[in-house]
Amino acid sequence: MKKSLLALAVIGFAGAASAQSSVTLFGIVDAAYGHVSAGGRSASGITNSGLNSSRLGFRGVEDLGGGMKAAFHLEGQLDNDTGTGRSGTAASGGGLNFQRRSTVSLLGGFGEVRIGRDYSPNFWNTTIYDPFGTNGVGQSLTPAMLANIGTGTNSSAVRTSNSISYFTPAMGGIGLQVMKGFGENAGGVKTGNYMGFRAGYAAGPLSVDYSYAKTEGATDAADTKYSNIGASFDLGMVKPQFIWAQEKTSAGAKIGAWQLGLTAPMGQGEFRAAYSRYDVKNSANDWNKFALGYGYNLSKRTQLYTTYARVSNKGAQVVAVSNNGLSAGAAAAGGNSTGYEFGVRHSF
């Protein structure tokens, strides 16, 4: 009897402990047939992440009592068209890593303190206020604009490693994120150090966010600064969106961009459209981009989608439409580039 009571007590304790914590497996598998053309060349084939980035992840939370919780988030990118992780290739057999996000957090009434590799504050506006979510042929090019003109350091344009972030608690729609990233160099070298913040307001149909950040280079002239603002207003029948963004180096290289976009419910799906313009400082080598898309929901987790995009270059600019694993190369100087895709996205 004593042994039975002891066993029941152990089972009861284990049940109580598990009830205070949870671990979730989640992911997205997104695949499409796509075609891109640029510079008189074209490429067709199967690609991935045309609507949402394919991923596999684990997240969990534990109730520590007193209103405090501990949480973790491990998330890796998938190239499901080849069966590899983002850092690997079909030839090398590269596997899954957790470079999309790898963090541990403490949460409470004070907000959240998060440590690890995470999205940079300056990236959020470019993806949240982009109708195409910085994915597929229709995506905004703002997360790493300087990279498109071959200059600047963009290591923190999307994610920052070795970082610590603080998120404020809910404050009547006002929110703030501050992030510090460490280059972890010996001898006080500042290369790769990052500092950024994002502040905004979201309540009812209105959402507005501003972000500013800086990544330090090997010299002061190699520093890169990012600033952007995004806004949207949900009218029910249509949701207009706007992004203004700028990247510049201390050496004087600068590129600015703005994008007007919208999403609108249509039948059992959603219509998407965006027009963006990119201006290179002291140069005629600018470009425009136009994109249209539609997604049809087969269920809450599965969507069929299609997107068309066109880039129009000015001067000697050679930017081209591309998607993950599918590129026709650079456009002809001052020429055009187009692309389209038909895909399916399933989340779990």
Protein backbone atom coordinates (compact mmCIF):
# COMPACT_ATOMS: atom_id res chain seq x y z
CA MET A 1 0.00 0.00 0.00
CA LYS A 2 2.83 2.38 0.93
CA LYS A 3 4.58 1.64 -2.37
CA SER A 4 1.35 2.28 -4.26
CA LEU A 5 0.78 5.59 -2.47
CA LEU A 6 4.39 6.61 -3.17
CA ALA A 7 3.99 5.77 -6.86
CA LEU A 8 0.79 7.79 -7.05
CA ALA A 9 2.50 10.73 -5.35
CA VAL A 10 5.38 10.64 -7.85
CA ILE A 11 2.94 10.49 -10.80
CA GLY A 12 0.95 13.38 -9.33
CA PHE A 13 4.07 15.50 -8.85
CA ALA A 14 5.22 14.82 -12.42
CA GLY A 15 1.80 15.80 -13.73
CA ALA A 16 1.84 19.05 -11.78
CA ALA A 17 5.33 19.89 -13.04
CA SER A 18 4.43 19.21 -16.67
CA ALA A 19 1.27 21.29 -16.33
CA GLN A 20 3.46 24.30 -15.50
CA SER A 21 5.53 24.01 -18.67
CA SER A 22 5.02 23.21 -22.33
CA VAL A 23 7.10 22.50 -25.42
CA THR A 24 5.73 22.94 -28.96
CA LEU A 25 7.02 21.62 -32.28
CA PHE A 26 6.06 23.99 -35.12
CA GLY A 27 6.97 24.72 -38.70
CA ILE A 28 6.12 25.82 -42.21
CA VAL A 29 6.71 23.96 -45.47
CA ASP A 30 6.37 26.23 -48.50
CA ALA A 31 7.15 25.12 -52.06
CA ALA A 32 6.49 26.66 -55.47
CA TYR A 33 7.16 26.48 -59.18
CA GLY A 34 8.83 29.69 -60.28
CA HIS A 35 10.26 31.45 -63.33
CA VAL A 36 12.56 34.49 -63.42
CA SER A 37 14.14 36.36 -66.30
CA ALA A 38 16.88 39.01 -66.44
CA GLY A 39 19.52 40.18 -68.88
CA GLY A 40 18.21 37.99 -71.71
CA ARG A 41 18.44 34.86 -69.56
CA SER A 42 15.77 32.94 -67.66
CA ALA A 43 15.50 30.18 -65.08
CA SER A 44 12.61 27.93 -64.07
CA GLY A 45 12.22 25.36 -61.35
CA ILE A 46 11.07 24.46 -57.89
CA THR A 47 11.81 26.94 -55.14
CA ASN A 48 10.73 27.48 -51.54
CA SER A 49 9.50 30.18 -49.15
CA GLY A 50 7.49 32.09 -51.75
CA LEU A 51 4.83 33.07 -49.21
CA ASN A 52 6.39 32.32 -45.81
CA SER A 53 9.89 31.15 -44.96
CA SER A 54 10.01 27.36 -44.60
CA ARG A 55 11.16 26.46 -41.11
CA LEU A 56 11.23 23.90 -38.32
CA GLY A 57 11.32 24.94 -34.70
CA PHE A 58 10.79 24.21 -31.05
CA ARG A 59 9.53 26.63 -28.44
CA GLY A 60 8.60 26.27 -24.82
CA VAL A 61 7.62 28.12 -21.69
CA GLU A 62 7.81 27.33 -17.98
CA ASP A 63 5.81 29.07 -15.25
CA LEU A 64 8.26 30.02 -12.51
CA GLY A 65 5.59 31.43 -10.22
CA GLY A 66 5.08 34.95 -9.00
CA GLY A 67 4.13 36.09 -12.50
CA MET A 68 7.52 35.16 -13.99
CA LYS A 69 8.12 32.71 -16.84
CA ALA A 70 11.13 31.26 -18.64
CA ALA A 71 10.95 30.56 -22.37
CA PHE A 72 13.08 29.35 -25.25
CA HIS A 73 12.76 29.50 -29.04
CA LEU A 74 14.86 27.46 -31.48
CA GLU A 75 14.03 27.91 -35.18
CA GLY A 76 15.88 26.72 -38.29
CA GLN A 77 15.47 27.55 -41.97
CA LEU A 78 14.53 24.79 -44.42
CA ASP A 79 15.29 24.58 -48.13
CA ASN A 80 12.61 21.98 -48.64
CA ASP A 81 13.11 21.96 -52.41
CA THR A 82 16.49 20.26 -51.82
CA GLY A 83 15.86 18.78 -48.37
CA THR A 84 18.63 20.73 -46.65
CA GLY A 85 18.98 23.41 -44.01
CA ARG A 86 19.64 26.93 -45.27
CA SER A 87 23.40 26.72 -44.64
CA GLY A 88 23.72 23.37 -46.37
CA THR A 89 23.58 22.16 -49.97
CA ALA A 90 22.25 19.01 -51.53
CA ALA A 91 25.82 18.07 -52.46
CA SER A 92 27.31 18.66 -49.01
CA GLY A 93 24.37 17.24 -47.11
CA GLY A 94 24.25 20.32 -44.88
CA GLY A 95 21.75 19.94 -42.07
CA LEU A 96 19.36 22.04 -40.05
CA ASN A 97 20.70 24.76 -37.79
CA PHE A 98 18.87 27.30 -35.67
CA GLN A 99 20.10 30.51 -37.29
CA ARG A 100 16.60 31.90 -37.84
CA ARG A 101 16.27 32.32 -34.10
CA SER A 102 17.93 30.82 -31.05
CA THR A 103 16.93 32.54 -27.80
CA VAL A 104 16.17 32.07 -24.12
CA SER A 105 13.98 34.56 -22.23
CA LEU A 106 12.70 35.66 -18.85
CA LEU A 107 9.22 37.23 -18.90
CA GLY A 108 7.10 38.96 -16.31
CA GLY A 109 5.34 42.16 -15.42
CA PHE A 110 8.57 43.97 -16.24
CA GLY A 111 8.41 42.82 -19.89
CA GLU A 112 10.85 40.38 -21.51
CA VAL A 113 14.62 40.00 -21.51
CA ARG A 114 15.74 37.84 -24.45
CA ILE A 115 19.28 36.53 -25.14
CA GLY A 116 20.72 34.85 -28.26
CA ARG A 117 20.34 35.23 -32.02
CA ASP A 118 17.18 37.08 -32.98
CA TYR A 119 15.60 39.42 -35.51
CA SER A 120 17.08 42.93 -35.48
CA PRO A 121 14.66 45.72 -34.51
CA ASN A 122 15.33 47.44 -37.86
CA PHE A 123 14.17 44.34 -39.78
CA TRP A 124 10.68 44.09 -38.28
CA ASN A 125 9.16 47.07 -40.08
CA THR A 126 10.37 45.90 -43.48
CA THR A 127 8.64 42.54 -43.11
CA ILE A 128 5.50 43.44 -41.10
CA TYR A 129 4.50 46.28 -43.43
CA ASP A 130 5.44 44.47 -46.65
CA PRO A 131 2.34 42.77 -48.18
CA PHE A 132 4.67 39.97 -49.31
CA GLY A 133 6.43 39.64 -45.95
CA THR A 134 9.95 39.90 -47.45
CA ASN A 135 9.40 36.51 -49.14
CA GLY A 136 9.18 35.29 -52.72
CA VAL A 137 9.52 37.20 -55.97
CA GLY A 138 7.28 40.00 -54.69
CA GLN A 139 9.24 40.81 -51.54
CA SER A 140 10.54 44.20 -50.58
CA LEU A 141 14.28 44.60 -51.03
CA THR A 142 14.69 46.91 -48.04
CA PRO A 143 16.22 44.54 -45.42
CA ALA A 144 19.68 44.79 -47.06
CA MET A 145 19.48 47.55 -49.64
CA LEU A 146 23.18 48.42 -49.63
CA ALA A 147 23.97 44.83 -50.58
CA ASN A 148 22.07 45.39 -53.81
CA ILE A 149 24.54 48.10 -54.87
CA GLY A 150 27.62 46.20 -53.70
CA THR A 151 28.58 48.29 -50.69
CA GLY A 152 28.05 48.47 -46.95
CA THR A 153 28.01 45.87 -44.19
CA ASN A 154 24.62 44.26 -43.70
CA SER A 155 25.36 41.54 -41.13
CA SER A 156 22.59 42.88 -38.89
CA ALA A 157 20.13 43.88 -41.60
CA VAL A 158 17.87 40.95 -40.68
CA ARG A 159 19.24 39.11 -37.62
CA THR A 160 21.80 39.81 -34.92
CA SER A 161 23.88 37.19 -33.13
CA ASN A 162 25.27 37.40 -29.58
CA SER A 163 22.50 39.80 -28.63
CA ILE A 164 20.46 40.79 -25.61
CA SER A 165 17.07 42.49 -26.03
CA TYR A 166 14.52 44.09 -23.78
CA PHE A 167 10.82 44.30 -24.69
CA THR A 168 8.49 46.51 -22.66
CA PRO A 169 5.22 45.06 -21.32
CA ALA A 170 1.90 46.03 -22.88
CA MET A 171 1.35 49.75 -22.30
CA GLY A 172 -1.91 50.77 -23.95
CA GLY A 173 -0.72 49.93 -27.45
CA ILE A 174 2.76 51.46 -27.03
CA GLY A 175 5.72 49.12 -27.35
CA LEU A 176 9.52 49.36 -27.29
CA GLN A 177 12.33 46.94 -28.14
CA VAL A 178 16.00 47.68 -27.50
CA MET A 179 18.79 45.35 -28.69
CA LYS A 180 22.53 45.23 -28.09
CA GLY A 181 24.67 42.84 -30.16
CA PHE A 182 28.29 42.01 -29.39
CA GLY A 183 30.93 41.49 -32.07
CA GLU A 184 32.93 39.51 -29.50
CA ASN A 185 36.31 40.63 -30.82
CA ALA A 186 39.51 40.58 -28.79
CA GLY A 187 41.41 43.76 -27.95
CA GLY A 188 38.41 46.06 -27.87
CA VAL A 189 37.80 45.85 -31.64
CA LYS A 190 34.23 47.02 -32.29
CA THR A 191 33.61 45.30 -35.64
CA GLY A 192 30.17 43.70 -35.65
CA ASN A 193 28.88 45.51 -32.57
CA TYR A 194 25.21 46.40 -32.98
CA MET A 195 22.80 48.74 -31.22
CA GLY A 196 19.20 49.32 -32.26
CA PHE A 197 15.68 50.04 -31.08
CA ARG A 198 12.11 49.90 -32.36
CA ALA A 199 9.24 51.91 -30.92
CA GLY A 200 5.62 51.91 -32.02
CA TYR A 201 1.92 52.09 -31.39
CA ALA A 202 -0.72 49.52 -32.34
CA ALA A 203 -4.36 49.77 -31.32
CA GLY A 204 -7.55 49.20 -33.27
CA PRO A 205 -6.99 49.53 -37.03
CA LEU A 206 -3.82 51.68 -36.73
CA SER A 207 -0.25 50.46 -36.45
CA VAL A 208 2.89 52.65 -36.64
CA ASP A 209 6.53 51.75 -35.87
CA TYR A 210 9.89 53.52 -36.12
CA SER A 211 13.32 51.89 -35.90
CA TYR A 212 16.95 53.02 -35.86
CA ALA A 213 20.10 50.91 -35.62
CA LYS A 214 23.85 50.91 -36.21
CA THR A 215 26.34 48.16 -37.00
CA GLU A 216 30.00 49.02 -36.44
CA GLY A 217 32.58 48.18 -39.10
CA ALA A 218 36.33 47.64 -38.95
CA THR A 219 36.75 51.43 -39.19
CA ASP A 220 34.44 54.34 -38.40
CA ALA A 221 33.98 54.86 -42.15
CA ALA A 222 32.62 51.31 -42.47
CA ASP A 223 29.79 51.75 -39.95
CA THR A 224 26.29 51.09 -41.31
CA LYS A 225 23.19 52.89 -40.05
CA TYR A 226 19.60 51.80 -40.63
CA SER A 227 16.39 53.76 -40.11
CA ASN A 228 12.83 53.05 -41.19
CA ILE A 229 9.21 53.71 -40.41
CA GLY A 230 6.20 51.55 -41.21
CA ALA A 231 2.47 52.11 -40.92
CA SER A 232 -0.81 50.42 -41.77
CA PHE A 233 -4.52 51.11 -41.31
CA ASP A 234 -7.01 48.27 -41.55
CA LEU A 235 -10.23 49.51 -43.19
CA GLY A 236 -11.74 46.02 -43.28
CA MET A 237 -12.24 45.83 -47.05
CA VAL A 238 -8.62 46.91 -47.65
CA LYS A 239 -5.48 47.42 -45.56
CA PRO A 240 -3.05 50.03 -46.97
CA GLN A 241 0.58 49.78 -45.83
CA PHE A 242 3.59 52.06 -46.08
CA ILE A 243 7.34 51.70 -45.51
CA TRP A 244 10.09 54.31 -45.67
CA ALA A 245 13.64 53.03 -45.17
CA GLN A 246 17.22 54.24 -45.42
CA GLU A 247 20.63 52.60 -45.13
CA LYS A 248 23.92 54.50 -45.17
CA THR A 249 27.58 54.09 -44.34
CA SER A 250 29.78 56.60 -42.56
CA ALA A 251 31.85 56.75 -45.77
CA GLY A 252 28.90 58.43 -47.52
CA ALA A 253 27.18 55.59 -49.40
CA LYS A 254 23.41 55.88 -48.96
CA ILE A 255 20.28 54.36 -50.39
CA GLY A 256 16.69 55.24 -49.55
CA ALA A 257 13.42 53.51 -50.38
CA TRP A 258 9.71 53.74 -49.93
CA GLN A 259 6.96 51.23 -50.59
CA LEU A 260 3.20 51.58 -50.90
CA GLY A 261 1.31 48.33 -50.49
CA LEU A 262 -2.06 46.89 -49.68
CA THR A 263 -3.82 43.68 -48.81
CA ALA A 264 -7.51 43.04 -49.31
CA PRO A 265 -9.73 40.03 -48.53
CA MET A 266 -11.09 38.53 -51.74
CA GLY A 267 -13.31 35.50 -51.63
CA GLN A 268 -11.67 32.77 -49.57
CA GLY A 269 -8.30 34.44 -49.84
CA GLU A 270 -6.34 37.68 -50.02
CA PHE A 271 -5.15 40.02 -52.76
CA ARG A 272 -1.71 41.64 -52.36
CA ALA A 273 -0.03 44.50 -54.21
CA ALA A 274 3.05 46.69 -53.72
CA TYR A 275 4.99 49.39 -55.53
CA SER A 276 8.41 50.47 -54.30
CA ARG A 277 11.15 52.89 -55.35
CA TYR A 278 14.85 52.77 -54.46
CA ASP A 279 17.10 55.83 -54.74
CA VAL A 280 20.91 55.63 -54.66
CA LYS A 281 22.58 58.79 -53.36
CA ASN A 282 24.30 60.97 -55.98
CA SER A 283 23.49 58.44 -58.69
CA ALA A 284 21.05 57.81 -61.52
CA ASN A 285 21.28 54.06 -60.85
CA ASP A 286 17.91 53.73 -59.14
CA TRP A 287 15.17 51.14 -59.58
CA ASN A 288 11.46 50.50 -59.09
CA LYS A 289 9.59 47.32 -58.25
CA PHE A 290 5.96 46.31 -58.78
CA ALA A 291 4.31 43.14 -57.47
CA LEU A 292 0.85 41.54 -57.50
CA GLY A 293 -0.27 38.39 -55.74
CA TYR A 294 -3.21 36.33 -54.53
CA GLY A 295 -3.51 33.61 -51.91
CA TYR A 296 -6.43 31.15 -51.66
CA ASN A 297 -7.01 29.49 -48.29
CA LEU A 298 -7.81 25.79 -48.52
CA SER A 299 -7.88 25.75 -44.70
CA LYS A 300 -6.54 27.78 -41.78
CA ARG A 301 -3.13 26.16 -42.29
CA THR A 302 -2.88 25.59 -46.05
CA GLN A 303 -2.84 28.23 -48.78
CA LEU A 304 -2.35 28.18 -52.54
CA TYR A 305 -0.70 31.36 -53.83
CA THR A 306 0.64 33.07 -56.92
CA THR A 307 2.80 36.19 -57.31
CA TYR A 308 4.10 38.26 -60.23
CA ALA A 309 6.85 40.89 -59.93
CA ARG A 310 8.73 43.28 -62.22
CA VAL A 311 11.86 45.38 -61.55
CA SER A 312 12.61 48.42 -63.74
CA ASN A 313 16.22 49.61 -63.49
CA LYS A 314 17.55 53.10 -64.22
CA GLY A 315 20.98 54.16 -65.45
CA ALA A 316 23.49 51.34 -64.91
CA GLN A 317 21.49 49.52 -62.20
CA VAL A 318 21.25 45.70 -62.58
CA VAL A 319 18.85 44.56 -59.79
CA ALA A 320 16.87 41.43 -60.72
CA VAL A 321 13.82 39.53 -59.47
CA SER A 322 14.82 36.31 -57.72
CA ASN A 323 13.70 33.84 -55.08
CA ASN A 324 15.39 31.27 -52.84
CA GLY A 325 17.45 29.00 -55.06
CA LEU A 326 16.13 30.50 -58.32
CA SER A 327 17.98 33.28 -60.15
CA ALA A 328 18.66 34.27 -63.75
CA GLY A 329 21.58 36.46 -62.70
CA ALA A 330 21.87 40.24 -62.92
CA ALA A 331 19.62 42.29 -65.17
CA ALA A 332 21.06 44.21 -68.11
CA ALA A 333 22.26 47.69 -67.09
CA GLY A 334 19.16 49.87 -66.99
CA GLY A 335 17.01 46.93 -68.09
CA ASN A 336 14.03 45.08 -66.66
CA SER A 337 13.59 41.81 -64.82
CA THR A 338 10.43 39.77 -64.16
CA GLY A 339 9.39 36.74 -62.19
CA TYR A 340 6.37 34.70 -61.14
CA GLU A 341 5.60 31.71 -58.95
CA PHE A 342 2.77 29.32 -58.09
CA GLY A 343 3.02 27.57 -54.73
CA VAL A 344 1.49 25.98 -51.67
CA ARG A 345 2.21 26.80 -48.04
CA HIS A 346 1.34 24.50 -45.13
CA SER A 347 1.93 25.41 -41.49
CA PHE A 348 1.83 23.13 -38.45
